[in-house]
Amino acid sequence: MENCLYCKNKEKLDSLMIYIADLGVSKLYLFKEQTYYGRCVMAYKDHGVELTDLSAEESALFIKDMQRVGKAINAAVSPAKVNYGMFSDTLAHLHVHIVPKQKDGYGFGGTFEMNVNPPKYLSEDEYKEIIEKIKSNL
């Protein structure tokens, strides 16, 4: 937990993501790299390694948060599909990447790429706009 991005490493977290909101049992962030417009990360409120570490009630609440975010992203950016990726090989904290994909957009039909090259970043106003769209639909 000492070096956990979500628990202890706020400087690195802030360099990668922008906080959006607290949810039922999670926190929602907008990923700064926006090749997939509206891509977010939802992290469980407490340090935890696996979904299976949660009680049945906690895991149901985590899934409920994921559904809530998926609906908000659908309303905000009207994607063809929203992908959900839970990868924690090197980061021991339960989190999920929630990735909207457009039919004619980057990577449609395949798995989303974590580190797109070249990366796509937005202006401050564009970040504020997409965050407000997501927040207003939570």
N, C-alpha and C. Protein backbone atom coordinates (compact mmCIF):
# COMPACT_ATOMS: atom_id res chain seq x y z
N MET A 1 0.82 -1.19 0.00
CA MET A 1 0.00 0.00 0.00
C MET A 1 0.87 1.27 0.00
N GLU A 2 2.12 1.14 0.42
CA GLU A 2 3.01 2.29 0.54
C GLU A 2 3.12 3.12 -0.73
N ASN A 3 3.20 2.47 -1.89
CA ASN A 3 3.38 3.18 -3.15
C ASN A 3 2.13 3.14 -4.02
N CYS A 4 1.00 2.80 -3.46
CA CYS A 4 -0.23 2.66 -4.23
C CYS A 4 -0.63 4.00 -4.85
N LEU A 5 -0.84 3.98 -6.15
CA LEU A 5 -1.25 5.17 -6.89
C LEU A 5 -2.49 5.82 -6.30
N TYR A 6 -3.46 5.01 -5.91
CA TYR A 6 -4.74 5.54 -5.43
C TYR A 6 -4.74 5.88 -3.95
N CYS A 7 -3.84 5.29 -3.18
CA CYS A 7 -3.84 5.52 -1.73
C CYS A 7 -2.78 6.51 -1.27
N LYS A 8 -1.60 6.47 -1.89
CA LYS A 8 -0.47 7.22 -1.33
C LYS A 8 0.27 8.11 -2.33
N ASN A 9 0.04 7.95 -3.61
CA ASN A 9 0.86 8.64 -4.60
C ASN A 9 0.05 9.70 -5.34
N LYS A 10 -0.45 10.68 -4.60
CA LYS A 10 -1.33 11.70 -5.17
C LYS A 10 -0.67 12.49 -6.30
N GLU A 11 0.61 12.77 -6.19
CA GLU A 11 1.29 13.53 -7.24
C GLU A 11 1.25 12.79 -8.58
N LYS A 12 1.54 11.51 -8.56
CA LYS A 12 1.49 10.73 -9.81
C LYS A 12 0.05 10.58 -10.28
N LEU A 13 -0.86 10.33 -9.36
CA LEU A 13 -2.27 10.21 -9.71
C LEU A 13 -2.75 11.48 -10.42
N ASP A 14 -2.42 12.64 -9.86
CA ASP A 14 -2.82 13.92 -10.45
C ASP A 14 -2.17 14.16 -11.81
N SER A 15 -1.03 13.55 -12.06
CA SER A 15 -0.38 13.72 -13.36
C SER A 15 -1.06 12.87 -14.44
N LEU A 16 -1.78 11.82 -14.02
CA LEU A 16 -2.42 10.91 -14.97
C LEU A 16 -3.93 11.12 -15.10
N MET A 17 -4.57 11.60 -14.03
CA MET A 17 -6.02 11.63 -13.98
C MET A 17 -6.54 12.89 -13.30
N ILE A 18 -7.82 13.16 -13.55
CA ILE A 18 -8.50 14.28 -12.91
C ILE A 18 -9.69 13.71 -12.14
N TYR A 19 -9.74 14.03 -10.85
CA TYR A 19 -10.83 13.56 -10.00
C TYR A 19 -12.17 14.11 -10.52
N ILE A 20 -13.18 13.23 -10.58
CA ILE A 20 -14.52 13.64 -10.98
C ILE A 20 -15.48 13.60 -9.80
N ALA A 21 -15.58 12.44 -9.11
CA ALA A 21 -16.60 12.33 -8.06
C ALA A 21 -16.36 11.10 -7.19
N ASP A 22 -16.91 11.18 -5.98
CA ASP A 22 -17.04 9.99 -5.13
C ASP A 22 -18.33 9.31 -5.50
N LEU A 23 -18.29 7.99 -5.56
CA LEU A 23 -19.48 7.20 -5.86
C LEU A 23 -19.82 6.39 -4.61
N GLY A 24 -20.65 5.38 -4.76
CA GLY A 24 -21.05 4.56 -3.62
C GLY A 24 -19.89 3.98 -2.85
N VAL A 25 -19.01 3.22 -3.52
CA VAL A 25 -17.84 2.61 -2.88
C VAL A 25 -16.57 2.88 -3.68
N SER A 26 -16.58 3.87 -4.55
CA SER A 26 -15.45 4.13 -5.43
C SER A 26 -15.26 5.62 -5.64
N LYS A 27 -14.13 5.91 -6.28
CA LYS A 27 -13.84 7.26 -6.74
C LYS A 27 -13.69 7.20 -8.26
N LEU A 28 -14.18 8.24 -8.93
CA LEU A 28 -14.14 8.29 -10.38
C LEU A 28 -13.17 9.37 -10.83
N TYR A 29 -12.34 9.01 -11.82
CA TYR A 29 -11.35 9.91 -12.38
C TYR A 29 -11.46 9.91 -13.90
N LEU A 30 -11.19 11.05 -14.52
CA LEU A 30 -11.04 11.12 -15.96
C LEU A 30 -9.57 10.90 -16.26
N PHE A 31 -9.28 9.95 -17.14
CA PHE A 31 -7.91 9.71 -17.56
C PHE A 31 -7.49 10.86 -18.46
N LYS A 32 -6.35 11.47 -18.20
CA LYS A 32 -5.93 12.65 -18.99
C LYS A 32 -5.68 12.29 -20.45
N GLU A 33 -5.14 11.11 -20.72
CA GLU A 33 -4.92 10.69 -22.10
C GLU A 33 -6.28 10.33 -22.67
N GLN A 34 -6.73 11.05 -23.70
CA GLN A 34 -8.11 10.95 -24.17
C GLN A 34 -8.25 10.48 -25.62
N THR A 35 -7.41 9.54 -26.06
CA THR A 35 -7.61 8.95 -27.38
C THR A 35 -9.01 8.37 -27.46
N TYR A 36 -9.45 7.76 -26.35
CA TYR A 36 -10.82 7.26 -26.22
C TYR A 36 -11.57 8.33 -25.43
N TYR A 37 -12.25 9.21 -26.13
CA TYR A 37 -12.86 10.38 -25.51
C TYR A 37 -13.88 9.97 -24.45
N GLY A 38 -13.63 10.42 -23.22
CA GLY A 38 -14.48 10.09 -22.10
C GLY A 38 -13.93 8.96 -21.24
N ARG A 39 -12.74 8.45 -21.56
CA ARG A 39 -12.15 7.34 -20.79
C ARG A 39 -11.95 7.73 -19.34
N CYS A 40 -12.44 6.87 -18.46
CA CYS A 40 -12.35 7.10 -17.02
C CYS A 40 -11.72 5.90 -16.33
N VAL A 41 -11.33 6.11 -15.10
CA VAL A 41 -10.88 5.05 -14.22
C VAL A 41 -11.69 5.17 -12.94
N MET A 42 -12.22 4.06 -12.48
CA MET A 42 -12.97 4.01 -11.24
C MET A 42 -12.19 3.13 -10.26
N ALA A 43 -11.81 3.69 -9.11
CA ALA A 43 -11.01 2.97 -8.12
C ALA A 43 -11.82 2.73 -6.86
N TYR A 44 -11.71 1.52 -6.33
CA TYR A 44 -12.40 1.18 -5.09
C TYR A 44 -11.91 2.10 -3.97
N LYS A 45 -12.78 2.43 -3.03
CA LYS A 45 -12.50 3.41 -1.98
C LYS A 45 -11.38 2.98 -1.03
N ASP A 46 -11.21 1.69 -0.82
CA ASP A 46 -10.18 1.17 0.07
C ASP A 46 -9.15 0.37 -0.72
N HIS A 47 -7.97 0.25 -0.14
CA HIS A 47 -6.92 -0.52 -0.80
C HIS A 47 -7.34 -1.99 -0.86
N GLY A 48 -7.39 -2.53 -2.03
CA GLY A 48 -7.76 -3.93 -2.22
C GLY A 48 -7.17 -4.42 -3.52
N VAL A 49 -6.77 -5.65 -3.54
CA VAL A 49 -6.07 -6.19 -4.69
C VAL A 49 -7.02 -6.81 -5.70
N GLU A 50 -8.00 -7.54 -5.26
CA GLU A 50 -8.85 -8.30 -6.17
C GLU A 50 -10.34 -8.04 -5.89
N LEU A 51 -11.13 -8.18 -6.92
CA LEU A 51 -12.58 -8.11 -6.75
C LEU A 51 -13.04 -9.18 -5.77
N THR A 52 -12.36 -10.32 -5.78
CA THR A 52 -12.73 -11.43 -4.90
C THR A 52 -12.41 -11.15 -3.43
N ASP A 53 -11.69 -10.08 -3.14
CA ASP A 53 -11.43 -9.70 -1.75
C ASP A 53 -12.64 -9.03 -1.11
N LEU A 54 -13.59 -8.59 -1.93
CA LEU A 54 -14.76 -7.89 -1.43
C LEU A 54 -15.84 -8.87 -1.00
N SER A 55 -16.65 -8.44 -0.05
CA SER A 55 -17.81 -9.24 0.32
C SER A 55 -18.80 -9.19 -0.83
N ALA A 56 -19.80 -10.04 -0.78
CA ALA A 56 -20.83 -10.05 -1.83
C ALA A 56 -21.52 -8.68 -1.91
N GLU A 57 -21.77 -8.07 -0.76
CA GLU A 57 -22.42 -6.76 -0.74
C GLU A 57 -21.52 -5.68 -1.33
N GLU A 58 -20.23 -5.69 -0.94
CA GLU A 58 -19.29 -4.68 -1.46
C GLU A 58 -19.09 -4.84 -2.98
N SER A 59 -18.99 -6.08 -3.43
CA SER A 59 -18.78 -6.28 -4.88
C SER A 59 -20.02 -5.86 -5.66
N ALA A 60 -21.20 -6.09 -5.12
CA ALA A 60 -22.43 -5.64 -5.79
C ALA A 60 -22.46 -4.12 -5.87
N LEU A 61 -22.02 -3.44 -4.82
CA LEU A 61 -21.97 -1.97 -4.83
C LEU A 61 -20.92 -1.46 -5.82
N PHE A 62 -19.80 -2.18 -5.93
CA PHE A 62 -18.77 -1.80 -6.90
C PHE A 62 -19.31 -1.93 -8.33
N ILE A 63 -20.00 -3.01 -8.62
CA ILE A 63 -20.60 -3.21 -9.94
C ILE A 63 -21.68 -2.15 -10.19
N LYS A 64 -22.43 -1.81 -9.16
CA LYS A 64 -23.45 -0.76 -9.29
C LYS A 64 -22.80 0.57 -9.67
N ASP A 65 -21.66 0.89 -9.04
CA ASP A 65 -20.91 2.09 -9.42
C ASP A 65 -20.47 2.02 -10.87
N MET A 66 -19.98 0.87 -11.29
CA MET A 66 -19.53 0.70 -12.69
C MET A 66 -20.68 0.92 -13.67
N GLN A 67 -21.84 0.38 -13.35
CA GLN A 67 -23.01 0.58 -14.21
C GLN A 67 -23.38 2.06 -14.27
N ARG A 68 -23.34 2.71 -13.14
CA ARG A 68 -23.67 4.14 -13.07
C ARG A 68 -22.73 4.95 -13.96
N VAL A 69 -21.44 4.65 -13.89
CA VAL A 69 -20.46 5.36 -14.71
C VAL A 69 -20.65 5.03 -16.18
N GLY A 70 -20.90 3.76 -16.50
CA GLY A 70 -21.14 3.38 -17.89
C GLY A 70 -22.32 4.13 -18.49
N LYS A 71 -23.38 4.25 -17.72
CA LYS A 71 -24.56 5.00 -18.19
C LYS A 71 -24.23 6.48 -18.38
N ALA A 72 -23.47 7.04 -17.45
CA ALA A 72 -23.10 8.45 -17.55
C ALA A 72 -22.22 8.70 -18.78
N ILE A 73 -21.29 7.81 -19.03
CA ILE A 73 -20.42 7.96 -20.20
C ILE A 73 -21.23 7.78 -21.48
N ASN A 74 -22.14 6.82 -21.49
CA ASN A 74 -23.01 6.65 -22.66
C ASN A 74 -23.78 7.94 -22.95
N ALA A 75 -24.33 8.54 -21.93
CA ALA A 75 -25.10 9.77 -22.11
C ALA A 75 -24.21 10.94 -22.52
N ALA A 76 -22.98 10.97 -22.00
CA ALA A 76 -22.08 12.10 -22.25
C ALA A 76 -21.47 12.09 -23.65
N VAL A 77 -21.10 10.91 -24.16
CA VAL A 77 -20.35 10.87 -25.42
C VAL A 77 -20.96 9.98 -26.50
N SER A 78 -22.06 9.32 -26.22
CA SER A 78 -22.76 8.47 -27.19
C SER A 78 -21.83 7.52 -27.94
N PRO A 79 -21.08 6.68 -27.23
CA PRO A 79 -20.18 5.76 -27.92
C PRO A 79 -20.94 4.60 -28.55
N ALA A 80 -20.29 3.91 -29.47
CA ALA A 80 -20.86 2.69 -30.04
C ALA A 80 -20.79 1.56 -29.01
N LYS A 81 -19.77 1.61 -28.14
CA LYS A 81 -19.56 0.56 -27.15
C LYS A 81 -18.73 1.12 -26.00
N VAL A 82 -19.01 0.67 -24.80
CA VAL A 82 -18.17 0.99 -23.65
C VAL A 82 -17.48 -0.30 -23.23
N ASN A 83 -16.16 -0.25 -23.15
CA ASN A 83 -15.37 -1.40 -22.69
C ASN A 83 -15.00 -1.20 -21.22
N TYR A 84 -14.91 -2.31 -20.49
CA TYR A 84 -14.54 -2.28 -19.08
C TYR A 84 -13.31 -3.17 -18.93
N GLY A 85 -12.21 -2.59 -18.45
CA GLY A 85 -10.97 -3.35 -18.31
C GLY A 85 -10.44 -3.30 -16.90
N MET A 86 -10.24 -4.49 -16.33
CA MET A 86 -9.70 -4.57 -14.97
C MET A 86 -8.33 -5.26 -15.05
N PHE A 87 -7.30 -4.45 -15.03
CA PHE A 87 -5.93 -4.95 -15.15
C PHE A 87 -5.14 -4.49 -13.94
N SER A 88 -4.59 -5.42 -13.20
CA SER A 88 -3.85 -5.03 -12.00
C SER A 88 -2.58 -5.83 -11.83
N ASP A 89 -1.89 -6.08 -12.92
CA ASP A 89 -0.65 -6.84 -12.82
C ASP A 89 0.39 -6.13 -11.95
N THR A 90 0.48 -4.81 -12.10
CA THR A 90 1.52 -4.07 -11.39
C THR A 90 0.98 -3.04 -10.40
N LEU A 91 -0.33 -2.89 -10.31
CA LEU A 91 -0.93 -1.92 -9.39
C LEU A 91 -1.93 -2.65 -8.50
N ALA A 92 -1.54 -2.84 -7.25
CA ALA A 92 -2.33 -3.64 -6.32
C ALA A 92 -3.45 -2.82 -5.67
N HIS A 93 -4.37 -2.35 -6.50
CA HIS A 93 -5.54 -1.64 -5.99
C HIS A 93 -6.68 -1.90 -6.97
N LEU A 94 -7.81 -2.33 -6.47
CA LEU A 94 -8.95 -2.64 -7.32
C LEU A 94 -9.41 -1.40 -8.07
N HIS A 95 -9.35 -1.47 -9.39
CA HIS A 95 -9.80 -0.36 -10.23
C HIS A 95 -10.23 -0.92 -11.59
N VAL A 96 -11.00 -0.12 -12.31
CA VAL A 96 -11.48 -0.54 -13.63
C VAL A 96 -11.37 0.65 -14.59
N HIS A 97 -10.87 0.37 -15.79
CA HIS A 97 -10.83 1.37 -16.86
C HIS A 97 -12.17 1.29 -17.59
N ILE A 98 -12.84 2.40 -17.74
CA ILE A 98 -14.13 2.45 -18.42
C ILE A 98 -13.91 3.28 -19.68
N VAL A 99 -13.97 2.58 -20.83
CA VAL A 99 -13.44 3.12 -22.08
C VAL A 99 -14.51 3.16 -23.17
N PRO A 100 -14.99 4.36 -23.50
CA PRO A 100 -15.94 4.48 -24.60
C PRO A 100 -15.21 4.38 -25.94
N LYS A 101 -15.83 3.66 -26.88
CA LYS A 101 -15.22 3.52 -28.20
C LYS A 101 -16.24 3.88 -29.27
N GLN A 102 -15.76 4.62 -30.26
CA GLN A 102 -16.60 5.03 -31.38
C GLN A 102 -16.39 4.08 -32.54
N LYS A 103 -17.46 3.78 -33.28
CA LYS A 103 -17.41 2.80 -34.37
C LYS A 103 -16.28 3.07 -35.35
N ASP A 104 -16.07 4.31 -35.74
CA ASP A 104 -14.99 4.65 -36.67
C ASP A 104 -13.77 5.21 -35.95
N GLY A 105 -13.72 5.03 -34.64
CA GLY A 105 -12.65 5.61 -33.84
C GLY A 105 -11.48 4.67 -33.65
N TYR A 106 -10.51 5.16 -32.94
CA TYR A 106 -9.27 4.44 -32.69
C TYR A 106 -9.56 3.10 -31.98
N GLY A 107 -9.03 2.03 -32.49
CA GLY A 107 -9.06 0.73 -31.83
C GLY A 107 -10.40 0.03 -31.76
N PHE A 108 -11.41 0.53 -32.50
CA PHE A 108 -12.72 -0.12 -32.43
C PHE A 108 -12.60 -1.55 -32.97
N GLY A 109 -13.21 -2.48 -32.26
CA GLY A 109 -13.18 -3.88 -32.66
C GLY A 109 -12.06 -4.68 -32.02
N GLY A 110 -11.22 -4.02 -31.24
CA GLY A 110 -10.14 -4.70 -30.54
C GLY A 110 -10.09 -4.24 -29.10
N THR A 111 -9.14 -4.77 -28.37
CA THR A 111 -8.98 -4.33 -26.98
C THR A 111 -8.39 -2.93 -26.97
N PHE A 112 -8.74 -2.16 -25.96
CA PHE A 112 -8.21 -0.80 -25.92
C PHE A 112 -6.75 -0.84 -25.49
N GLU A 113 -6.01 0.15 -25.96
CA GLU A 113 -4.60 0.27 -25.63
C GLU A 113 -4.44 1.20 -24.44
N MET A 114 -3.64 0.78 -23.48
CA MET A 114 -3.39 1.60 -22.29
C MET A 114 -2.56 2.83 -22.63
N ASN A 115 -1.52 2.64 -23.45
CA ASN A 115 -0.58 3.72 -23.74
C ASN A 115 -0.51 3.96 -25.23
N VAL A 116 -1.40 4.79 -25.72
CA VAL A 116 -1.47 5.09 -27.14
C VAL A 116 -0.33 6.04 -27.52
N ASN A 117 0.26 5.79 -28.68
CA ASN A 117 1.35 6.64 -29.15
C ASN A 117 1.03 7.14 -30.55
N PRO A 118 0.91 8.43 -30.77
CA PRO A 118 1.10 9.50 -29.79
C PRO A 118 -0.14 9.66 -28.92
N PRO A 119 0.05 10.09 -27.69
CA PRO A 119 -1.09 10.31 -26.79
C PRO A 119 -1.89 11.54 -27.22
N LYS A 120 -3.16 11.56 -26.80
CA LYS A 120 -4.02 12.70 -27.11
C LYS A 120 -4.44 13.36 -25.80
N TYR A 121 -4.06 14.62 -25.64
CA TYR A 121 -4.43 15.38 -24.46
C TYR A 121 -5.36 16.52 -24.87
N LEU A 122 -6.17 16.96 -23.95
CA LEU A 122 -7.15 18.01 -24.21
C LEU A 122 -6.70 19.33 -23.59
N SER A 123 -7.37 20.38 -23.96
CA SER A 123 -7.15 21.67 -23.31
C SER A 123 -7.87 21.65 -21.96
N GLU A 124 -7.55 22.58 -21.11
CA GLU A 124 -8.22 22.68 -19.81
C GLU A 124 -9.73 22.82 -19.99
N ASP A 125 -10.15 23.64 -20.95
CA ASP A 125 -11.58 23.82 -21.20
C ASP A 125 -12.23 22.52 -21.68
N GLU A 126 -11.53 21.77 -22.51
CA GLU A 126 -12.07 20.49 -22.99
C GLU A 126 -12.19 19.48 -21.86
N TYR A 127 -11.21 19.46 -20.95
CA TYR A 127 -11.32 18.57 -19.78
C TYR A 127 -12.54 18.96 -18.94
N LYS A 128 -12.70 20.24 -18.69
CA LYS A 128 -13.84 20.71 -17.90
C LYS A 128 -15.15 20.33 -18.56
N GLU A 129 -15.22 20.47 -19.88
CA GLU A 129 -16.44 20.14 -20.61
C GLU A 129 -16.82 18.68 -20.48
N ILE A 130 -15.87 17.78 -20.69
CA ILE A 130 -16.21 16.35 -20.63
C ILE A 130 -16.50 15.93 -19.19
N ILE A 131 -15.79 16.50 -18.22
CA ILE A 131 -16.08 16.19 -16.81
C ILE A 131 -17.48 16.63 -16.44
N GLU A 132 -17.88 17.81 -16.87
CA GLU A 132 -19.23 18.28 -16.58
C GLU A 132 -20.29 17.40 -17.24
N LYS A 133 -20.03 16.97 -18.47
CA LYS A 133 -20.98 16.07 -19.15
C LYS A 133 -21.14 14.77 -18.37
N ILE A 134 -20.02 14.21 -17.91
CA ILE A 134 -20.09 12.95 -17.16
C ILE A 134 -20.79 13.18 -15.82
N LYS A 135 -20.36 14.21 -15.08
CA LYS A 135 -20.94 14.51 -13.76
C LYS A 135 -22.45 14.73 -13.85
N SER A 136 -22.88 15.46 -14.86
CA SER A 136 -24.31 15.77 -14.96
C SER A 136 -25.14 14.53 -15.26
N ASN A 137 -24.50 13.45 -15.68
CA ASN A 137 -25.23 12.22 -15.99
C ASN A 137 -25.01 11.12 -14.95
N LEU A 138 -24.27 11.42 -13.90
CA LEU A 138 -24.06 10.40 -12.84
C LEU A 138 -25.34 10.23 -12.02
